[in-house]
Amino acid sequence: MSDISSVQLQQFKEAEQSRTKSEIKQIQTEGNKNIRKELEGQDKILAQLKKDFEKKSEDMKSDLEYKLIEARKRHDEVYVSEKTRLDQELENIRKAHEDRVAELKVTHENQLQQMNESQANTINNSQQKFAKEKVRMNG
């Protein structure tokens, strides 16, 4: 009986090992299948995240380019406005300078004329005094 038991035991053992191996294979297959599913799901999530990031990045780039263009437009407008204002200010300063120079010329000419008249009066008075003295001395 021990021979039968040991044969049966051996067969039972082999059957159990075979069943266990089969269960392990099935569990491994299911585990691998689950891992592949999970990896595929994570890959899809990663791909979506990359796509969202690239979209957001492009949107931000477009927004920044728009803001840069607007800032350049405002800068150009301010530049033109300030240049026009400064050109006008420079023109006003030139006109004021020309007016002041003209005023100084008129004043200078008036002073010269007054000096010439004063000198002419002085010479005339001196000539008259000289003539009177000459007549008084000769006379």
N, C-alpha and C. Protein backbone atom coordinates (compact mmCIF):
# COMPACT_ATOMS: atom_id res chain seq x y z
N MET A 1 0.78 -1.17 0.00
CA MET A 1 0.00 0.00 0.00
C MET A 1 0.83 1.26 0.00
N SER A 2 1.91 1.13 0.57
CA SER A 2 2.77 2.29 0.63
C SER A 2 3.27 2.66 -0.75
N ASP A 3 3.38 1.62 -1.63
CA ASP A 3 3.78 1.94 -2.99
C ASP A 3 2.69 2.72 -3.70
N ILE A 4 1.49 2.36 -3.50
CA ILE A 4 0.37 3.05 -4.14
C ILE A 4 0.25 4.44 -3.54
N SER A 5 0.39 4.52 -2.27
CA SER A 5 0.29 5.81 -1.62
C SER A 5 1.40 6.72 -2.09
N SER A 6 2.56 6.18 -2.19
CA SER A 6 3.66 7.03 -2.62
C SER A 6 3.48 7.41 -4.08
N VAL A 7 2.94 6.52 -4.92
CA VAL A 7 2.68 6.84 -6.32
C VAL A 7 1.56 7.87 -6.38
N GLN A 8 0.52 7.62 -5.59
CA GLN A 8 -0.60 8.57 -5.56
C GLN A 8 -0.12 9.92 -5.02
N LEU A 9 0.70 9.81 -3.99
CA LEU A 9 1.24 11.04 -3.40
C LEU A 9 2.08 11.79 -4.44
N GLN A 10 2.87 11.04 -5.17
CA GLN A 10 3.72 11.65 -6.20
C GLN A 10 2.83 12.26 -7.28
N GLN A 11 1.79 11.56 -7.70
CA GLN A 11 0.89 12.07 -8.72
C GLN A 11 0.14 13.31 -8.21
N PHE A 12 -0.31 13.19 -6.94
CA PHE A 12 -1.00 14.33 -6.33
C PHE A 12 -0.06 15.55 -6.27
N LYS A 13 1.19 15.26 -5.88
CA LYS A 13 2.19 16.31 -5.78
C LYS A 13 2.41 16.95 -7.16
N GLU A 14 2.57 16.15 -8.16
CA GLU A 14 2.80 16.64 -9.52
C GLU A 14 1.58 17.41 -10.02
N ALA A 15 0.40 16.89 -9.69
CA ALA A 15 -0.83 17.56 -10.10
C ALA A 15 -0.92 18.93 -9.42
N GLU A 16 -0.59 18.95 -8.12
CA GLU A 16 -0.61 20.22 -7.37
C GLU A 16 0.42 21.19 -7.93
N GLN A 17 1.60 20.68 -8.22
CA GLN A 17 2.65 21.54 -8.79
C GLN A 17 2.22 22.07 -10.15
N SER A 18 1.62 21.22 -10.94
CA SER A 18 1.15 21.62 -12.26
C SER A 18 0.05 22.68 -12.13
N ARG A 19 -0.90 22.41 -11.19
CA ARG A 19 -1.98 23.37 -10.96
C ARG A 19 -1.42 24.68 -10.44
N THR A 20 -0.47 24.61 -9.54
CA THR A 20 0.14 25.81 -8.97
C THR A 20 0.88 26.59 -10.06
N LYS A 21 1.65 25.87 -10.88
CA LYS A 21 2.36 26.51 -11.98
C LYS A 21 1.37 27.19 -12.92
N SER A 22 0.28 26.48 -13.18
CA SER A 22 -0.75 27.02 -14.07
C SER A 22 -1.37 28.28 -13.45
N GLU A 23 -1.65 28.22 -12.15
CA GLU A 23 -2.21 29.39 -11.48
C GLU A 23 -1.22 30.57 -11.50
N ILE A 24 0.06 30.25 -11.23
CA ILE A 24 1.11 31.29 -11.24
C ILE A 24 1.20 31.91 -12.62
N LYS A 25 1.17 31.07 -13.67
CA LYS A 25 1.23 31.58 -15.04
C LYS A 25 0.04 32.48 -15.33
N GLN A 26 -1.13 31.99 -14.87
CA GLN A 26 -2.35 32.78 -15.10
C GLN A 26 -2.26 34.11 -14.35
N ILE A 27 -1.78 34.07 -13.11
CA ILE A 27 -1.62 35.30 -12.32
C ILE A 27 -0.59 36.23 -12.98
N GLN A 28 0.51 35.66 -13.45
CA GLN A 28 1.53 36.46 -14.12
C GLN A 28 0.96 37.08 -15.39
N THR A 29 0.23 36.28 -16.15
CA THR A 29 -0.38 36.79 -17.38
C THR A 29 -1.34 37.92 -17.07
N GLU A 30 -2.20 37.71 -16.07
CA GLU A 30 -3.13 38.76 -15.67
C GLU A 30 -2.38 39.99 -15.15
N GLY A 31 -1.33 39.77 -14.36
CA GLY A 31 -0.51 40.88 -13.83
C GLY A 31 0.15 41.66 -14.96
N ASN A 32 0.73 40.91 -15.89
CA ASN A 32 1.36 41.57 -17.05
C ASN A 32 0.33 42.35 -17.86
N LYS A 33 -0.86 41.73 -18.02
CA LYS A 33 -1.94 42.39 -18.75
C LYS A 33 -2.36 43.67 -18.02
N ASN A 34 -2.50 43.59 -16.70
CA ASN A 34 -2.86 44.77 -15.90
C ASN A 34 -1.77 45.85 -15.97
N ILE A 35 -0.52 45.40 -15.91
CA ILE A 35 0.61 46.36 -15.99
C ILE A 35 0.60 47.04 -17.35
N ARG A 36 0.40 46.26 -18.44
CA ARG A 36 0.34 46.85 -19.78
C ARG A 36 -0.80 47.86 -19.88
N LYS A 37 -1.98 47.47 -19.34
CA LYS A 37 -3.12 48.39 -19.35
C LYS A 37 -2.78 49.68 -18.60
N GLU A 38 -2.19 49.50 -17.43
CA GLU A 38 -1.82 50.67 -16.60
C GLU A 38 -0.78 51.53 -17.34
N LEU A 39 0.21 50.90 -17.95
CA LEU A 39 1.22 51.64 -18.71
C LEU A 39 0.59 52.39 -19.89
N GLU A 40 -0.32 51.71 -20.59
CA GLU A 40 -1.00 52.37 -21.71
C GLU A 40 -1.81 53.56 -21.21
N GLY A 41 -2.51 53.37 -20.08
CA GLY A 41 -3.28 54.47 -19.50
C GLY A 41 -2.36 55.63 -19.09
N GLN A 42 -1.24 55.31 -18.47
CA GLN A 42 -0.29 56.34 -18.05
C GLN A 42 0.33 57.03 -19.26
N ASP A 43 0.61 56.24 -20.33
CA ASP A 43 1.14 56.83 -21.56
C ASP A 43 0.13 57.81 -22.17
N LYS A 44 -1.16 57.41 -22.15
CA LYS A 44 -2.20 58.31 -22.67
C LYS A 44 -2.26 59.59 -21.84
N ILE A 45 -2.21 59.43 -20.52
CA ILE A 45 -2.24 60.61 -19.64
C ILE A 45 -1.02 61.48 -19.90
N LEU A 46 0.15 60.86 -20.02
CA LEU A 46 1.38 61.60 -20.30
C LEU A 46 1.30 62.32 -21.65
N ALA A 47 0.78 61.64 -22.65
CA ALA A 47 0.63 62.26 -23.98
C ALA A 47 -0.32 63.45 -23.90
N GLN A 48 -1.43 63.29 -23.15
CA GLN A 48 -2.38 64.40 -22.99
C GLN A 48 -1.74 65.56 -22.24
N LEU A 49 -0.97 65.25 -21.21
CA LEU A 49 -0.27 66.30 -20.45
C LEU A 49 0.72 67.05 -21.35
N LYS A 50 1.46 66.30 -22.16
CA LYS A 50 2.40 66.94 -23.10
C LYS A 50 1.65 67.84 -24.08
N LYS A 51 0.54 67.31 -24.61
CA LYS A 51 -0.27 68.08 -25.56
C LYS A 51 -0.80 69.35 -24.90
N ASP A 52 -1.32 69.21 -23.68
CA ASP A 52 -1.82 70.39 -22.96
C ASP A 52 -0.71 71.39 -22.68
N PHE A 53 0.45 70.86 -22.29
CA PHE A 53 1.59 71.75 -22.02
C PHE A 53 2.00 72.51 -23.27
N GLU A 54 2.10 71.79 -24.39
CA GLU A 54 2.50 72.44 -25.64
C GLU A 54 1.48 73.48 -26.07
N LYS A 55 0.19 73.16 -25.91
CA LYS A 55 -0.86 74.12 -26.25
C LYS A 55 -0.76 75.36 -25.37
N LYS A 56 -0.62 75.13 -24.07
CA LYS A 56 -0.52 76.26 -23.13
C LYS A 56 0.75 77.07 -23.43
N SER A 57 1.82 76.38 -23.74
CA SER A 57 3.08 77.05 -24.07
C SER A 57 2.92 77.91 -25.33
N GLU A 58 2.28 77.37 -26.34
CA GLU A 58 2.04 78.13 -27.57
C GLU A 58 1.11 79.32 -27.32
N ASP A 59 0.08 79.09 -26.50
CA ASP A 59 -0.83 80.19 -26.16
C ASP A 59 -0.09 81.31 -25.43
N MET A 60 0.75 80.92 -24.49
CA MET A 60 1.51 81.92 -23.73
C MET A 60 2.49 82.65 -24.66
N LYS A 61 3.11 81.91 -25.56
CA LYS A 61 4.05 82.52 -26.51
C LYS A 61 3.32 83.53 -27.39
N SER A 62 2.16 83.13 -27.88
CA SER A 62 1.36 84.04 -28.71
C SER A 62 0.94 85.27 -27.92
N ASP A 63 0.53 85.06 -26.68
CA ASP A 63 0.12 86.17 -25.82
C ASP A 63 1.29 87.12 -25.58
N LEU A 64 2.45 86.56 -25.30
CA LEU A 64 3.63 87.40 -25.06
C LEU A 64 4.04 88.15 -26.33
N GLU A 65 3.96 87.49 -27.48
CA GLU A 65 4.28 88.16 -28.74
C GLU A 65 3.30 89.31 -28.99
N TYR A 66 2.02 89.09 -28.70
CA TYR A 66 1.01 90.14 -28.87
C TYR A 66 1.32 91.31 -27.94
N LYS A 67 1.63 90.99 -26.68
CA LYS A 67 1.96 92.05 -25.71
C LYS A 67 3.21 92.81 -26.13
N LEU A 68 4.19 92.10 -26.68
CA LEU A 68 5.42 92.75 -27.15
C LEU A 68 5.10 93.69 -28.32
N ILE A 69 4.28 93.23 -29.23
CA ILE A 69 3.89 94.08 -30.38
C ILE A 69 3.16 95.32 -29.88
N GLU A 70 2.24 95.13 -28.93
CA GLU A 70 1.49 96.27 -28.38
C GLU A 70 2.43 97.23 -27.65
N ALA A 71 3.37 96.70 -26.90
CA ALA A 71 4.33 97.56 -26.19
C ALA A 71 5.18 98.34 -27.19
N ARG A 72 5.58 97.70 -28.28
CA ARG A 72 6.37 98.40 -29.30
C ARG A 72 5.54 99.50 -29.96
N LYS A 73 4.25 99.21 -30.21
CA LYS A 73 3.38 100.24 -30.79
C LYS A 73 3.28 101.44 -29.86
N ARG A 74 3.05 101.17 -28.56
CA ARG A 74 2.95 102.27 -27.59
C ARG A 74 4.26 103.04 -27.52
N HIS A 75 5.37 102.31 -27.56
CA HIS A 75 6.68 102.96 -27.53
C HIS A 75 6.85 103.86 -28.74
N ASP A 76 6.48 103.35 -29.91
CA ASP A 76 6.60 104.15 -31.14
C ASP A 76 5.70 105.38 -31.06
N GLU A 77 4.49 105.22 -30.55
CA GLU A 77 3.58 106.37 -30.43
C GLU A 77 4.15 107.41 -29.47
N VAL A 78 4.67 106.95 -28.34
CA VAL A 78 5.26 107.88 -27.37
C VAL A 78 6.49 108.55 -27.97
N TYR A 79 7.29 107.77 -28.70
CA TYR A 79 8.50 108.32 -29.33
C TYR A 79 8.12 109.42 -30.32
N VAL A 80 7.15 109.14 -31.19
CA VAL A 80 6.73 110.13 -32.18
C VAL A 80 6.17 111.37 -31.49
N SER A 81 5.35 111.15 -30.47
CA SER A 81 4.75 112.26 -29.73
C SER A 81 5.83 113.12 -29.07
N GLU A 82 6.77 112.46 -28.41
CA GLU A 82 7.84 113.20 -27.72
C GLU A 82 8.75 113.89 -28.72
N LYS A 83 9.02 113.24 -29.84
CA LYS A 83 9.87 113.87 -30.86
C LYS A 83 9.19 115.12 -31.41
N THR A 84 7.90 115.01 -31.68
CA THR A 84 7.14 116.17 -32.17
C THR A 84 7.15 117.29 -31.13
N ARG A 85 6.92 116.92 -29.88
CA ARG A 85 6.90 117.92 -28.81
C ARG A 85 8.28 118.59 -28.67
N LEU A 86 9.33 117.78 -28.70
CA LEU A 86 10.68 118.33 -28.57
C LEU A 86 11.06 119.19 -29.78
N ASP A 87 10.65 118.76 -30.98
CA ASP A 87 10.91 119.57 -32.17
C ASP A 87 10.22 120.93 -32.05
N GLN A 88 8.97 120.91 -31.57
CA GLN A 88 8.23 122.15 -31.38
C GLN A 88 8.91 123.03 -30.32
N GLU A 89 9.34 122.39 -29.24
CA GLU A 89 10.03 123.12 -28.16
C GLU A 89 11.32 123.74 -28.69
N LEU A 90 12.07 122.99 -29.48
CA LEU A 90 13.31 123.50 -30.07
C LEU A 90 13.01 124.67 -31.00
N GLU A 91 11.95 124.54 -31.79
CA GLU A 91 11.56 125.64 -32.69
C GLU A 91 11.19 126.88 -31.88
N ASN A 92 10.46 126.69 -30.78
CA ASN A 92 10.10 127.82 -29.92
C ASN A 92 11.34 128.48 -29.32
N ILE A 93 12.30 127.66 -28.90
CA ILE A 93 13.55 128.21 -28.34
C ILE A 93 14.30 128.98 -29.42
N ARG A 94 14.35 128.46 -30.64
CA ARG A 94 15.03 129.16 -31.74
C ARG A 94 14.36 130.51 -32.02
N LYS A 95 13.02 130.49 -32.05
CA LYS A 95 12.29 131.73 -32.30
C LYS A 95 12.54 132.74 -31.19
N ALA A 96 12.52 132.26 -29.95
CA ALA A 96 12.77 133.15 -28.81
C ALA A 96 14.18 133.72 -28.90
N HIS A 97 15.13 132.89 -29.29
CA HIS A 97 16.51 133.35 -29.45
C HIS A 97 16.61 134.39 -30.55
N GLU A 98 15.97 134.10 -31.69
CA GLU A 98 16.00 135.06 -32.79
C GLU A 98 15.35 136.38 -32.39
N ASP A 99 14.23 136.30 -31.66
CA ASP A 99 13.56 137.52 -31.18
C ASP A 99 14.47 138.29 -30.24
N ARG A 100 15.14 137.58 -29.35
CA ARG A 100 16.04 138.25 -28.39
C ARG A 100 17.21 138.89 -29.13
N VAL A 101 17.77 138.18 -30.13
CA VAL A 101 18.88 138.75 -30.92
C VAL A 101 18.40 140.00 -31.66
N ALA A 102 17.21 139.92 -32.25
CA ALA A 102 16.66 141.09 -32.96
C ALA A 102 16.45 142.24 -32.00
N GLU A 103 15.93 141.94 -30.81
CA GLU A 103 15.70 142.98 -29.80
C GLU A 103 17.03 143.62 -29.38
N LEU A 104 18.04 142.77 -29.18
CA LEU A 104 19.36 143.30 -28.79
C LEU A 104 19.97 144.15 -29.91
N LYS A 105 19.74 143.74 -31.18
CA LYS A 105 20.25 144.54 -32.31
C LYS A 105 19.60 145.92 -32.31
N VAL A 106 18.27 145.93 -32.12
CA VAL A 106 17.55 147.20 -32.10
C VAL A 106 18.05 148.07 -30.96
N THR A 107 18.18 147.46 -29.79
CA THR A 107 18.67 148.20 -28.63
C THR A 107 20.08 148.72 -28.89
N HIS A 108 20.93 147.89 -29.44
CA HIS A 108 22.31 148.28 -29.75
C HIS A 108 22.34 149.42 -30.77
N GLU A 109 21.52 149.29 -31.81
CA GLU A 109 21.47 150.34 -32.83
C GLU A 109 20.98 151.66 -32.21
N ASN A 110 19.97 151.56 -31.34
CA ASN A 110 19.47 152.77 -30.66
C ASN A 110 20.56 153.40 -29.79
N GLN A 111 21.29 152.56 -29.07
CA GLN A 111 22.36 153.08 -28.23
C GLN A 111 23.44 153.74 -29.09
N LEU A 112 23.80 153.07 -30.21
CA LEU A 112 24.80 153.66 -31.11
C LEU A 112 24.31 155.00 -31.67
N GLN A 113 23.04 155.03 -32.05
CA GLN A 113 22.48 156.26 -32.59
C GLN A 113 22.50 157.38 -31.53
N GLN A 114 22.13 157.01 -30.29
CA GLN A 114 22.16 158.00 -29.21
C GLN A 114 23.59 158.47 -28.96
N MET A 115 24.54 157.53 -28.98
CA MET A 115 25.93 157.89 -28.76
C MET A 115 26.43 158.81 -29.89
N ASN A 116 26.05 158.46 -31.14
CA ASN A 116 26.45 159.29 -32.28
C ASN A 116 25.83 160.69 -32.17
N GLU A 117 24.57 160.73 -31.78
CA GLU A 117 23.91 162.04 -31.63
C GLU A 117 24.57 162.84 -30.50
N SER A 118 24.86 162.15 -29.39
CA SER A 118 25.50 162.81 -28.26
C SER A 118 26.89 163.32 -28.67
N GLN A 119 27.61 162.48 -29.41
CA GLN A 119 28.94 162.87 -29.86
C GLN A 119 28.84 164.04 -30.84
N ALA A 120 27.85 163.95 -31.74
CA ALA A 120 27.66 165.05 -32.70
C ALA A 120 27.32 166.34 -31.96
N ASN A 121 26.45 166.25 -30.94
CA ASN A 121 26.10 167.43 -30.13
C ASN A 121 27.33 167.97 -29.41
N THR A 122 28.12 167.07 -28.86
CA THR A 122 29.31 167.49 -28.15
C THR A 122 30.28 168.17 -29.10
N ILE A 123 30.48 167.59 -30.28
CA ILE A 123 31.38 168.19 -31.29
C ILE A 123 30.83 169.53 -31.73
N ASN A 124 29.54 169.58 -31.98
CA ASN A 124 28.89 170.82 -32.41
C ASN A 124 29.05 171.89 -31.33
N ASN A 125 28.78 171.51 -30.07
CA ASN A 125 28.93 172.47 -28.96
C ASN A 125 30.39 172.92 -28.83
N SER A 126 31.30 171.98 -28.99
CA SER A 126 32.72 172.32 -28.88
C SER A 126 33.13 173.25 -30.01
N GLN A 127 32.62 173.01 -31.22
CA GLN A 127 32.95 173.88 -32.36
C GLN A 127 32.39 175.29 -32.12
N GLN A 128 31.17 175.33 -31.57
CA GLN A 128 30.57 176.65 -31.29
C GLN A 128 31.38 177.38 -30.22
N LYS A 129 31.77 176.66 -29.18
CA LYS A 129 32.58 177.29 -28.13
C LYS A 129 33.91 177.75 -28.70
N PHE A 130 34.49 176.89 -29.57
CA PHE A 130 35.77 177.25 -30.18
C PHE A 130 35.63 178.50 -31.04
N ALA A 131 34.53 178.52 -31.79
CA ALA A 131 34.31 179.68 -32.66
C ALA A 131 34.09 180.92 -31.81
N LYS A 132 33.36 180.84 -30.73
CA LYS A 132 33.13 181.99 -29.85
C LYS A 132 34.44 182.45 -29.22
N GLU A 133 35.21 181.50 -28.78
CA GLU A 133 36.51 181.83 -28.17
C GLU A 133 37.42 182.45 -29.21
N LYS A 134 37.39 181.94 -30.39
CA LYS A 134 38.24 182.47 -31.46
C LYS A 134 37.82 183.89 -31.77
N VAL A 135 36.52 184.12 -31.85
CA VAL A 135 36.02 185.47 -32.12
C VAL A 135 36.39 186.36 -30.93
N ARG A 136 36.24 185.92 -29.76
CA ARG A 136 36.58 186.73 -28.59
C ARG A 136 38.08 186.99 -28.55
N MET A 137 38.86 186.05 -28.95
CA MET A 137 40.30 186.22 -28.93
C MET A 137 40.76 187.10 -30.08
N ASN A 138 40.13 187.01 -31.17
CA ASN A 138 40.50 187.78 -32.34
C ASN A 138 39.87 189.16 -32.30
N GLY A 139 38.95 189.30 -31.59
CA GLY A 139 38.17 190.41 -31.64
C GLY A 139 38.24 191.63 -30.99
